[in-house]
Amino acid sequence: MTENIRFEDLPDDVLEDLGIIAREIEEETTSKVKRKVKLPSSRDLAEIVAEAALQARGVDPSEFPEIVLKLLEERGFYTKYVSEKRIWRVYESLVRRKVIPDTLGVVMW
């Protein structure tokens, strides 16, 4: 026969062990997918590209996308879906709208 056990009657060390076990079970069964990633918006990308362009004076243009991705990661953004093509499109757009100067010398007029 099983008898009803009250938590008040259990020793403190047993209660602590039960708490640890409960947390471990919760961690194992909690979905890892629930973590949200922070994706950069177009505005975020434009700000980072403008900042990187001002820092990238004299840098080889092939290194520019890496600089932008590094700055995005430093700010906590998930960069898997940020392509080099998107970075260059934003850079060209900012230069053509005269928001930033063409420090890399890659935009043809």
N, C-alpha and C. Protein backbone atom coordinates (compact mmCIF):
# COMPACT_ATOMS: atom_id res chain seq x y z
N MET A 1 0.82 -1.18 0.00
CA MET A 1 0.00 0.00 0.00
C MET A 1 0.87 1.25 0.00
N THR A 2 0.41 2.20 -0.76
CA THR A 2 1.12 3.47 -0.75
C THR A 2 0.41 4.41 0.18
N GLU A 3 1.19 5.15 0.88
CA GLU A 3 0.60 6.13 1.78
C GLU A 3 0.95 7.52 1.29
N ASN A 4 0.15 8.45 1.61
CA ASN A 4 0.38 9.82 1.19
C ASN A 4 1.57 10.40 1.93
N ILE A 5 2.49 11.01 1.14
CA ILE A 5 3.67 11.63 1.73
C ILE A 5 3.50 13.13 1.65
N ARG A 6 3.71 13.78 2.76
CA ARG A 6 3.63 15.24 2.80
C ARG A 6 5.03 15.81 2.66
N PHE A 7 5.15 16.90 1.89
CA PHE A 7 6.45 17.51 1.69
C PHE A 7 7.04 18.07 2.98
N GLU A 8 6.18 18.44 3.88
CA GLU A 8 6.66 18.99 5.15
C GLU A 8 7.41 17.94 5.97
N ASP A 9 7.10 16.66 5.74
CA ASP A 9 7.72 15.58 6.51
C ASP A 9 9.07 15.14 5.93
N LEU A 10 9.39 15.57 4.70
CA LEU A 10 10.64 15.15 4.07
C LEU A 10 11.81 15.97 4.59
N PRO A 11 12.98 15.35 4.74
CA PRO A 11 14.17 16.09 5.16
C PRO A 11 14.58 17.11 4.08
N ASP A 12 15.28 18.15 4.52
CA ASP A 12 15.69 19.22 3.60
C ASP A 12 16.59 18.72 2.47
N ASP A 13 17.50 17.80 2.76
CA ASP A 13 18.41 17.31 1.72
C ASP A 13 17.64 16.54 0.63
N VAL A 14 16.60 15.82 1.02
CA VAL A 14 15.79 15.09 0.04
C VAL A 14 15.02 16.09 -0.82
N LEU A 15 14.50 17.15 -0.23
CA LEU A 15 13.80 18.19 -0.99
C LEU A 15 14.73 18.86 -2.00
N GLU A 16 15.98 19.12 -1.58
CA GLU A 16 16.95 19.73 -2.49
C GLU A 16 17.22 18.80 -3.67
N ASP A 17 17.41 17.49 -3.38
CA ASP A 17 17.66 16.52 -4.44
C ASP A 17 16.48 16.44 -5.40
N LEU A 18 15.27 16.49 -4.89
CA LEU A 18 14.09 16.46 -5.74
C LEU A 18 14.03 17.71 -6.63
N GLY A 19 14.41 18.84 -6.08
CA GLY A 19 14.44 20.08 -6.87
C GLY A 19 15.45 20.01 -8.00
N ILE A 20 16.63 19.45 -7.71
CA ILE A 20 17.67 19.30 -8.74
C ILE A 20 17.19 18.36 -9.84
N ILE A 21 16.60 17.26 -9.45
CA ILE A 21 16.09 16.29 -10.43
C ILE A 21 15.00 16.92 -11.29
N ALA A 22 14.11 17.69 -10.67
CA ALA A 22 13.03 18.35 -11.42
C ALA A 22 13.59 19.33 -12.44
N ARG A 23 14.63 20.11 -12.07
CA ARG A 23 15.25 21.05 -13.01
C ARG A 23 15.93 20.34 -14.17
N GLU A 24 16.61 19.22 -13.87
CA GLU A 24 17.27 18.45 -14.93
C GLU A 24 16.25 17.89 -15.92
N ILE A 25 15.15 17.37 -15.39
CA ILE A 25 14.10 16.84 -16.28
C ILE A 25 13.52 17.96 -17.13
N GLU A 26 13.32 19.13 -16.54
CA GLU A 26 12.76 20.26 -17.29
C GLU A 26 13.72 20.71 -18.39
N GLU A 27 15.02 20.75 -18.11
CA GLU A 27 16.00 21.16 -19.11
C GLU A 27 16.05 20.17 -20.26
N GLU A 28 15.94 18.87 -19.95
CA GLU A 28 16.00 17.85 -20.99
C GLU A 28 14.76 17.86 -21.87
N THR A 29 13.63 18.17 -21.30
CA THR A 29 12.39 18.10 -22.07
C THR A 29 12.00 19.43 -22.71
N THR A 30 12.66 20.53 -22.32
CA THR A 30 12.35 21.82 -22.91
C THR A 30 12.92 21.88 -24.32
N SER A 31 12.13 22.34 -25.24
CA SER A 31 12.55 22.43 -26.64
C SER A 31 13.64 23.47 -26.80
N LYS A 32 14.66 23.13 -27.53
CA LYS A 32 15.75 24.06 -27.81
C LYS A 32 15.33 25.07 -28.88
N VAL A 33 14.26 24.80 -29.59
CA VAL A 33 13.81 25.65 -30.68
C VAL A 33 13.21 26.96 -30.16
N LYS A 34 12.86 27.01 -28.90
CA LYS A 34 12.21 28.18 -28.34
C LYS A 34 13.10 29.41 -28.31
N ARG A 35 14.41 29.22 -28.41
CA ARG A 35 15.32 30.36 -28.39
C ARG A 35 15.14 31.16 -29.67
N LYS A 36 14.89 32.42 -29.52
CA LYS A 36 14.72 33.27 -30.69
C LYS A 36 16.06 33.89 -31.05
N VAL A 37 16.28 33.99 -32.35
CA VAL A 37 17.50 34.62 -32.81
C VAL A 37 17.17 36.04 -33.24
N LYS A 38 18.13 36.91 -33.12
CA LYS A 38 17.94 38.31 -33.45
C LYS A 38 18.46 38.53 -34.87
N LEU A 39 17.54 38.71 -35.81
CA LEU A 39 17.91 38.95 -37.20
C LEU A 39 18.00 40.45 -37.45
N PRO A 40 18.98 40.86 -38.24
CA PRO A 40 19.10 42.30 -38.50
C PRO A 40 18.04 42.78 -39.48
N SER A 41 17.42 43.89 -39.17
CA SER A 41 16.46 44.50 -40.09
C SER A 41 17.24 45.25 -41.16
N SER A 42 16.54 45.76 -42.14
CA SER A 42 17.20 46.54 -43.21
C SER A 42 17.84 47.80 -42.62
N ARG A 43 17.16 48.41 -41.67
CA ARG A 43 17.71 49.60 -41.02
C ARG A 43 18.98 49.26 -40.23
N ASP A 44 18.95 48.14 -39.49
CA ASP A 44 20.14 47.72 -38.75
C ASP A 44 21.30 47.49 -39.70
N LEU A 45 21.03 46.80 -40.80
CA LEU A 45 22.08 46.50 -41.77
C LEU A 45 22.62 47.79 -42.38
N ALA A 46 21.74 48.73 -42.71
CA ALA A 46 22.19 50.00 -43.29
C ALA A 46 23.09 50.77 -42.32
N GLU A 47 22.74 50.78 -41.04
CA GLU A 47 23.56 51.47 -40.04
C GLU A 47 24.93 50.82 -39.91
N ILE A 48 24.96 49.49 -39.91
CA ILE A 48 26.23 48.78 -39.78
C ILE A 48 27.07 48.97 -41.03
N VAL A 49 26.46 48.92 -42.21
CA VAL A 49 27.20 49.12 -43.46
C VAL A 49 27.80 50.53 -43.49
N ALA A 50 27.03 51.52 -43.07
CA ALA A 50 27.54 52.90 -43.04
C ALA A 50 28.72 53.01 -42.07
N GLU A 51 28.58 52.40 -40.92
CA GLU A 51 29.68 52.43 -39.93
C GLU A 51 30.91 51.71 -40.47
N ALA A 52 30.71 50.55 -41.09
CA ALA A 52 31.83 49.76 -41.62
C ALA A 52 32.50 50.51 -42.77
N ALA A 53 31.72 51.21 -43.59
CA ALA A 53 32.29 51.94 -44.72
C ALA A 53 33.22 53.06 -44.23
N LEU A 54 32.84 53.71 -43.16
CA LEU A 54 33.69 54.76 -42.62
C LEU A 54 34.96 54.19 -41.97
N GLN A 55 34.87 52.98 -41.43
CA GLN A 55 36.03 52.32 -40.82
C GLN A 55 36.93 51.67 -41.87
N ALA A 56 36.38 51.40 -43.05
CA ALA A 56 37.08 50.57 -44.03
C ALA A 56 37.87 51.36 -45.06
N ARG A 57 38.31 52.54 -44.72
CA ARG A 57 39.11 53.31 -45.67
C ARG A 57 40.42 52.58 -45.93
N GLY A 58 40.71 52.37 -47.21
CA GLY A 58 41.96 51.70 -47.59
C GLY A 58 41.91 50.19 -47.49
N VAL A 59 40.76 49.63 -47.19
CA VAL A 59 40.61 48.18 -47.07
C VAL A 59 40.25 47.61 -48.43
N ASP A 60 40.73 46.43 -48.72
CA ASP A 60 40.37 45.75 -49.97
C ASP A 60 38.86 45.48 -49.97
N PRO A 61 38.17 45.83 -51.05
CA PRO A 61 36.71 45.65 -51.09
C PRO A 61 36.26 44.21 -50.84
N SER A 62 37.09 43.22 -51.15
CA SER A 62 36.69 41.83 -50.92
C SER A 62 36.58 41.51 -49.43
N GLU A 63 37.21 42.32 -48.58
CA GLU A 63 37.16 42.10 -47.13
C GLU A 63 35.97 42.81 -46.47
N PHE A 64 35.34 43.71 -47.21
CA PHE A 64 34.27 44.53 -46.65
C PHE A 64 33.10 43.71 -46.09
N PRO A 65 32.55 42.71 -46.82
CA PRO A 65 31.45 41.93 -46.24
C PRO A 65 31.81 41.23 -44.93
N GLU A 66 33.05 40.78 -44.81
CA GLU A 66 33.49 40.14 -43.56
C GLU A 66 33.47 41.14 -42.41
N ILE A 67 33.87 42.38 -42.68
CA ILE A 67 33.85 43.42 -41.65
C ILE A 67 32.43 43.68 -41.20
N VAL A 68 31.51 43.77 -42.16
CA VAL A 68 30.10 44.02 -41.83
C VAL A 68 29.53 42.87 -41.00
N LEU A 69 29.81 41.63 -41.41
CA LEU A 69 29.30 40.46 -40.67
C LEU A 69 29.87 40.43 -39.26
N LYS A 70 31.15 40.77 -39.12
CA LYS A 70 31.76 40.78 -37.79
C LYS A 70 31.10 41.83 -36.89
N LEU A 71 30.83 43.02 -37.44
CA LEU A 71 30.16 44.06 -36.66
C LEU A 71 28.75 43.62 -36.26
N LEU A 72 28.04 42.97 -37.17
CA LEU A 72 26.70 42.48 -36.85
C LEU A 72 26.75 41.46 -35.71
N GLU A 73 27.69 40.53 -35.78
CA GLU A 73 27.81 39.51 -34.74
C GLU A 73 28.18 40.13 -33.40
N GLU A 74 29.03 41.16 -33.42
CA GLU A 74 29.40 41.83 -32.18
C GLU A 74 28.19 42.50 -31.52
N ARG A 75 27.23 42.90 -32.32
CA ARG A 75 26.01 43.53 -31.79
C ARG A 75 24.94 42.50 -31.45
N GLY A 76 25.25 41.21 -31.62
CA GLY A 76 24.32 40.16 -31.21
C GLY A 76 23.36 39.70 -32.27
N PHE A 77 23.61 40.06 -33.53
CA PHE A 77 22.72 39.63 -34.61
C PHE A 77 23.14 38.27 -35.14
N TYR A 78 22.15 37.52 -35.61
CA TYR A 78 22.37 36.23 -36.26
C TYR A 78 22.58 36.52 -37.74
N THR A 79 23.74 36.13 -38.29
CA THR A 79 24.12 36.58 -39.63
C THR A 79 24.02 35.52 -40.71
N LYS A 80 23.43 34.39 -40.42
CA LYS A 80 23.37 33.32 -41.40
C LYS A 80 22.63 33.74 -42.67
N TYR A 81 21.63 34.57 -42.55
CA TYR A 81 20.81 34.94 -43.69
C TYR A 81 21.19 36.29 -44.31
N VAL A 82 22.33 36.83 -43.91
CA VAL A 82 22.81 38.08 -44.50
C VAL A 82 23.85 37.71 -45.55
N SER A 83 23.51 37.92 -46.81
CA SER A 83 24.41 37.55 -47.89
C SER A 83 25.32 38.72 -48.28
N GLU A 84 26.40 38.37 -48.98
CA GLU A 84 27.30 39.41 -49.48
C GLU A 84 26.56 40.31 -50.47
N LYS A 85 25.69 39.71 -51.28
CA LYS A 85 24.93 40.47 -52.27
C LYS A 85 24.06 41.53 -51.58
N ARG A 86 23.44 41.16 -50.48
CA ARG A 86 22.60 42.11 -49.75
C ARG A 86 23.45 43.23 -49.17
N ILE A 87 24.62 42.90 -48.65
CA ILE A 87 25.52 43.91 -48.08
C ILE A 87 25.91 44.90 -49.17
N TRP A 88 26.31 44.38 -50.34
CA TRP A 88 26.72 45.27 -51.43
C TRP A 88 25.56 46.10 -51.95
N ARG A 89 24.36 45.54 -52.00
CA ARG A 89 23.19 46.28 -52.45
C ARG A 89 22.91 47.46 -51.51
N VAL A 90 23.02 47.22 -50.21
CA VAL A 90 22.80 48.28 -49.23
C VAL A 90 23.90 49.34 -49.35
N TYR A 91 25.15 48.88 -49.51
CA TYR A 91 26.27 49.82 -49.65
C TYR A 91 26.05 50.72 -50.88
N GLU A 92 25.73 50.12 -52.02
CA GLU A 92 25.52 50.89 -53.24
C GLU A 92 24.35 51.88 -53.08
N SER A 93 23.29 51.42 -52.46
CA SER A 93 22.13 52.29 -52.24
C SER A 93 22.50 53.49 -51.38
N LEU A 94 23.26 53.28 -50.34
CA LEU A 94 23.67 54.38 -49.46
C LEU A 94 24.58 55.36 -50.18
N VAL A 95 25.48 54.84 -51.02
CA VAL A 95 26.38 55.71 -51.77
C VAL A 95 25.59 56.53 -52.79
N ARG A 96 24.69 55.89 -53.53
CA ARG A 96 23.92 56.59 -54.57
C ARG A 96 22.99 57.66 -53.97
N ARG A 97 22.50 57.42 -52.75
CA ARG A 97 21.65 58.42 -52.09
C ARG A 97 22.48 59.45 -51.33
N LYS A 98 23.80 59.34 -51.45
CA LYS A 98 24.75 60.27 -50.82
C LYS A 98 24.65 60.30 -49.30
N VAL A 99 24.33 59.14 -48.73
CA VAL A 99 24.31 59.02 -47.27
C VAL A 99 25.72 58.81 -46.76
N ILE A 100 26.51 58.03 -47.53
CA ILE A 100 27.90 57.77 -47.18
C ILE A 100 28.75 58.00 -48.44
N PRO A 101 30.03 58.34 -48.26
CA PRO A 101 30.90 58.45 -49.43
C PRO A 101 31.33 57.06 -49.90
N ASP A 102 31.73 56.97 -51.15
CA ASP A 102 32.20 55.70 -51.70
C ASP A 102 33.65 55.49 -51.28
N THR A 103 33.86 55.11 -50.04
CA THR A 103 35.21 54.95 -49.51
C THR A 103 35.95 53.77 -50.13
N LEU A 104 35.22 52.80 -50.65
CA LEU A 104 35.87 51.63 -51.25
C LEU A 104 36.10 51.81 -52.75
N GLY A 105 35.48 52.81 -53.35
CA GLY A 105 35.68 53.09 -54.77
C GLY A 105 35.13 52.01 -55.68
N VAL A 106 33.98 51.46 -55.35
CA VAL A 106 33.42 50.35 -56.15
C VAL A 106 32.14 50.71 -56.89
N VAL A 107 31.55 51.87 -56.60
CA VAL A 107 30.29 52.24 -57.26
C VAL A 107 30.62 53.02 -58.52
N MET A 108 30.08 52.52 -59.65
CA MET A 108 30.27 53.18 -60.94
C MET A 108 29.10 54.11 -61.20
N TRP A 109 29.37 55.33 -61.64
CA TRP A 109 28.32 56.30 -61.90
C TRP A 109 28.00 56.35 -63.34
